[in-house]
Protein backbone atom coordinates (compact mmCIF):
# COMPACT_ATOMS: atom_id res chain seq x y z
CA UNK A 1 0.07 0.19 -0.16
CA UNK A 2 1.44 3.29 -0.67
CA UNK A 3 1.28 5.73 2.01
CA UNK A 4 -0.01 8.66 -0.21
CA UNK A 5 -3.54 10.51 -0.10
CA UNK A 6 -5.10 11.12 -3.35
CA UNK A 7 -3.78 14.69 -5.06
CA UNK A 8 -0.92 14.31 -2.46
CA UNK A 9 2.71 15.07 -3.57
CA UNK A 10 5.91 13.45 -2.85
CA UNK A 11 8.77 15.97 -2.35
CA UNK A 12 10.97 14.50 -0.65
CA UNK A 13 11.92 11.21 0.73
CA UNK A 14 14.90 9.86 2.68
CA UNK A 15 16.31 7.63 5.37
CA UNK A 16 18.27 8.42 8.56
CA UNK A 17 22.15 8.12 7.25
CA UNK A 18 23.00 7.02 10.54
CA UNK A 19 22.77 6.59 14.09
CA UNK A 20 22.67 9.43 16.14
CA UNK A 21 23.65 9.68 19.61
CA UNK A 22 22.03 12.16 21.65
CA UNK A 23 21.66 13.03 25.72
CA UNK A 24 17.96 12.22 25.74
CA UNK A 25 18.83 8.55 25.09
CA UNK A 26 21.16 8.03 27.69
CA UNK A 27 19.85 10.27 30.18
CA UNK A 28 18.33 6.87 31.75
CA UNK A 29 22.21 5.52 32.36
CA UNK A 30 23.04 8.58 34.08
CA UNK A 31 20.44 8.78 36.11
CA UNK A 32 20.94 5.31 37.26
CA UNK A 33 24.40 5.63 37.96
CA UNK A 34 24.42 8.93 39.87
CA UNK A 35 20.78 7.32 42.06
CA UNK A 36 23.15 4.21 42.41
CA UNK A 37 26.13 6.02 43.94
CA UNK A 38 24.34 8.14 46.25
CA UNK A 39 22.70 4.91 47.55
CA UNK A 40 25.82 3.22 48.26
CA UNK A 41 27.36 6.60 50.11
CA UNK A 42 24.18 6.73 52.19
CA UNK A 43 24.23 2.74 52.74
CA UNK A 44 28.15 2.90 54.26
CA UNK A 45 26.87 6.17 55.96
CA UNK A 46 23.75 3.96 57.62
CA UNK A 47 26.18 1.02 58.22
CA UNK A 48 29.28 2.69 59.74
CA UNK A 49 27.60 5.40 61.30
CA UNK A 50 23.90 3.88 62.42
CA UNK A 51 24.66 0.59 62.69
CA UNK A 52 21.57 -0.36 59.87
CA UNK A 53 21.65 -3.91 59.25
CA UNK A 54 23.54 -4.43 55.43
CA UNK A 55 21.08 -6.95 54.18
CA UNK A 56 18.77 -3.97 53.67
CA UNK A 57 21.48 -2.97 50.70
CA UNK A 58 21.90 -6.36 49.07
CA UNK A 59 18.80 -5.53 46.64
CA UNK A 60 20.28 -2.05 45.31
CA UNK A 61 22.39 -3.36 42.74
CA UNK A 62 19.73 -5.61 41.06
CA UNK A 63 17.27 -2.86 40.70
CA UNK A 64 19.87 -0.35 39.31
CA UNK A 65 20.77 -3.21 36.61
CA UNK A 66 17.16 -3.39 35.73
CA UNK A 67 16.75 0.36 35.54
CA UNK A 68 20.29 0.47 33.27
CA UNK A 69 18.96 -3.00 31.50
CA UNK A 70 15.79 -0.93 30.64
CA UNK A 71 17.73 1.95 29.44
CA UNK A 72 19.81 -0.39 27.58
CA UNK A 73 16.64 -1.97 25.76
CA UNK A 74 15.15 1.13 24.85
CA UNK A 75 18.45 2.23 22.94
CA UNK A 76 18.36 -0.94 21.12
CA UNK A 77 14.97 -0.45 19.78
CA UNK A 78 15.69 2.88 18.62
CA UNK A 79 18.81 1.89 16.95
CA UNK A 80 16.42 -0.95 15.42
CA UNK A 81 13.75 1.47 14.31
CA UNK A 82 16.20 3.44 12.27
CA UNK A 83 17.49 1.13 10.28
CA UNK A 84 14.00 0.32 8.68
CA UNK A 85 12.64 4.00 8.90
CA UNK A 86 12.00 5.79 5.67
CA UNK A 87 10.93 9.55 5.54
CA UNK A 88 8.47 11.03 3.31
CA UNK A 89 7.73 14.61 3.31
CA UNK A 90 4.78 16.02 1.07
CA UNK A 91 2.58 19.10 0.49
CA UNK A 92 0.43 17.88 3.28
CA UNK A 93 2.43 16.00 6.12
CA UNK A 94 5.17 14.49 6.93
CA UNK A 95 5.15 10.67 7.15
CA UNK A 96 7.18 7.68 8.51
CA UNK A 97 7.21 4.78 7.11
CA UNK A 98 8.70 1.34 8.99
CA UNK A 99 9.47 -1.47 6.71
CA UNK A 100 9.95 -4.29 9.09
CA UNK A 101 9.84 -8.41 8.53
CA UNK A 102 6.40 -8.44 9.85
CA UNK A 103 4.88 -5.46 7.86
CA UNK A 104 4.99 -2.06 6.99
CA UNK A 105 3.72 0.62 9.83
CA UNK A 106 2.80 4.05 8.72
CA UNK A 107 3.13 7.07 10.89
CA UNK A 108 2.25 10.89 9.94
CA UNK A 109 1.51 14.50 11.35
CA UNK A 110 -0.01 17.06 9.70
CA UNK A 111 2.04 19.89 8.22
CA UNK A 112 -0.21 22.57 10.57
CA UNK A 113 0.61 20.44 13.85
CA UNK A 114 4.25 20.52 13.51
CA UNK A 115 6.04 23.02 15.59
CA UNK A 116 8.56 25.54 13.47
CA UNK A 117 11.38 23.24 12.42
CA UNK A 118 14.96 23.73 13.92
CA UNK A 119 17.98 21.93 12.40
CA UNK A 120 21.12 20.68 13.69
CA UNK A 121 23.76 20.14 11.19
CA UNK A 122 26.19 16.94 12.50
CA UNK A 123 29.26 18.08 10.06
CA UNK A 124 29.61 15.51 8.21
CA UNK A 125 27.02 16.73 5.39
CA UNK A 126 23.90 15.04 7.51
CA UNK A 127 21.65 16.96 10.03
CA UNK A 128 18.44 16.64 11.92
CA UNK A 129 15.45 18.36 11.57
CA UNK A 130 13.40 18.64 14.90
CA UNK A 131 10.06 20.25 15.94
CA UNK A 132 10.92 20.23 19.47
CA UNK A 133 9.91 23.29 22.02
CA UNK A 134 13.00 25.52 23.16
CA UNK A 135 13.03 25.17 27.37
CA UNK A 136 11.13 28.14 27.36
CA UNK A 137 8.27 27.48 24.95
CA UNK A 138 8.15 24.15 26.74
CA UNK A 139 7.90 25.25 29.88
CA UNK A 140 5.05 28.18 28.81
CA UNK A 141 3.26 25.48 27.23
CA UNK A 142 3.05 23.48 30.16
CA UNK A 143 0.02 25.62 32.15
CA UNK A 144 -1.93 24.75 28.96
CA UNK A 145 -1.53 20.52 28.90
CA UNK A 146 -4.26 18.47 29.49
CA UNK A 147 -2.49 15.46 29.98
CA UNK A 148 1.88 15.38 30.98
CA UNK A 149 3.67 16.00 28.02
CA UNK A 150 5.72 13.01 28.80
CA UNK A 151 3.39 11.10 26.78
CA UNK A 152 3.77 13.42 23.60
CA UNK A 153 6.41 11.76 20.91
CA UNK A 154 7.99 14.25 18.73
CA UNK A 155 8.81 13.60 15.27
CA UNK A 156 12.29 14.15 14.09
CA UNK A 157 14.22 13.39 11.09
CA UNK A 158 17.72 12.04 12.27
CA UNK A 159 20.80 12.08 10.53
CA UNK A 160 19.17 13.03 6.96
CA UNK A 161 21.02 14.31 4.10
CA UNK A 162 20.42 18.33 2.89
CA UNK A 163 18.45 19.09 6.14
CA UNK A 164 18.18 22.44 5.84
CA UNK A 165 16.11 22.09 2.34
CA UNK A 166 13.66 19.40 4.03
CA UNK A 167 12.96 21.81 6.61
CA UNK A 168 12.30 24.32 4.18
CA UNK A 169 9.92 22.42 2.40
CA UNK A 170 7.88 21.90 5.26
CA UNK A 171 7.94 25.40 6.30
CA UNK A 172 6.87 26.39 2.74
CA UNK A 173 4.46 23.81 2.87
CA UNK A 174 2.46 24.26 6.25
CA UNK A 175 0.42 27.24 5.66
CA UNK A 176 -1.24 25.73 2.57
CA UNK A 177 -1.78 22.20 4.16
CA UNK A 178 -5.71 21.29 4.86
CA UNK A 179 -7.22 21.87 8.12
CA UNK A 180 -8.02 18.32 9.51
CA UNK A 181 -10.67 17.85 11.90
């Protein structure tokens, strides 16, 4: 099945050129390690100074090992997804196509629902186009949200060639997109 609607024009298509490492993908590791070290310090202090039973802290390594394992699985899933992902930019929407062995999955977002695109150059001929708000915009919008912003998935085009051109196509076609609803 071809993902374009009748009368919709394909303006650009591409795939991620490489796996991009970002802090937000690895913050689970950082949080786990810092929390583990803090709990070890509290445990040592509790055992040495307050004579707390050492058995209380026996489950701590397993708990934090589980947190690190969950973070690793999340990153593994992301890397696998980037290997099968194709981006399509049309005159109406941004389409994500995942061609997995179990079948093809299509997800899309209409241009009017996107924020202003931001381009980050990776210095190797590729760039990332994302639609994430700045910290100031995100904090301002929190007062108007009915649900947690953590549940929102923000689209991005990772490590694509000619990212500036793709962002320009999206900006140019966003006002002409039909209103859905």
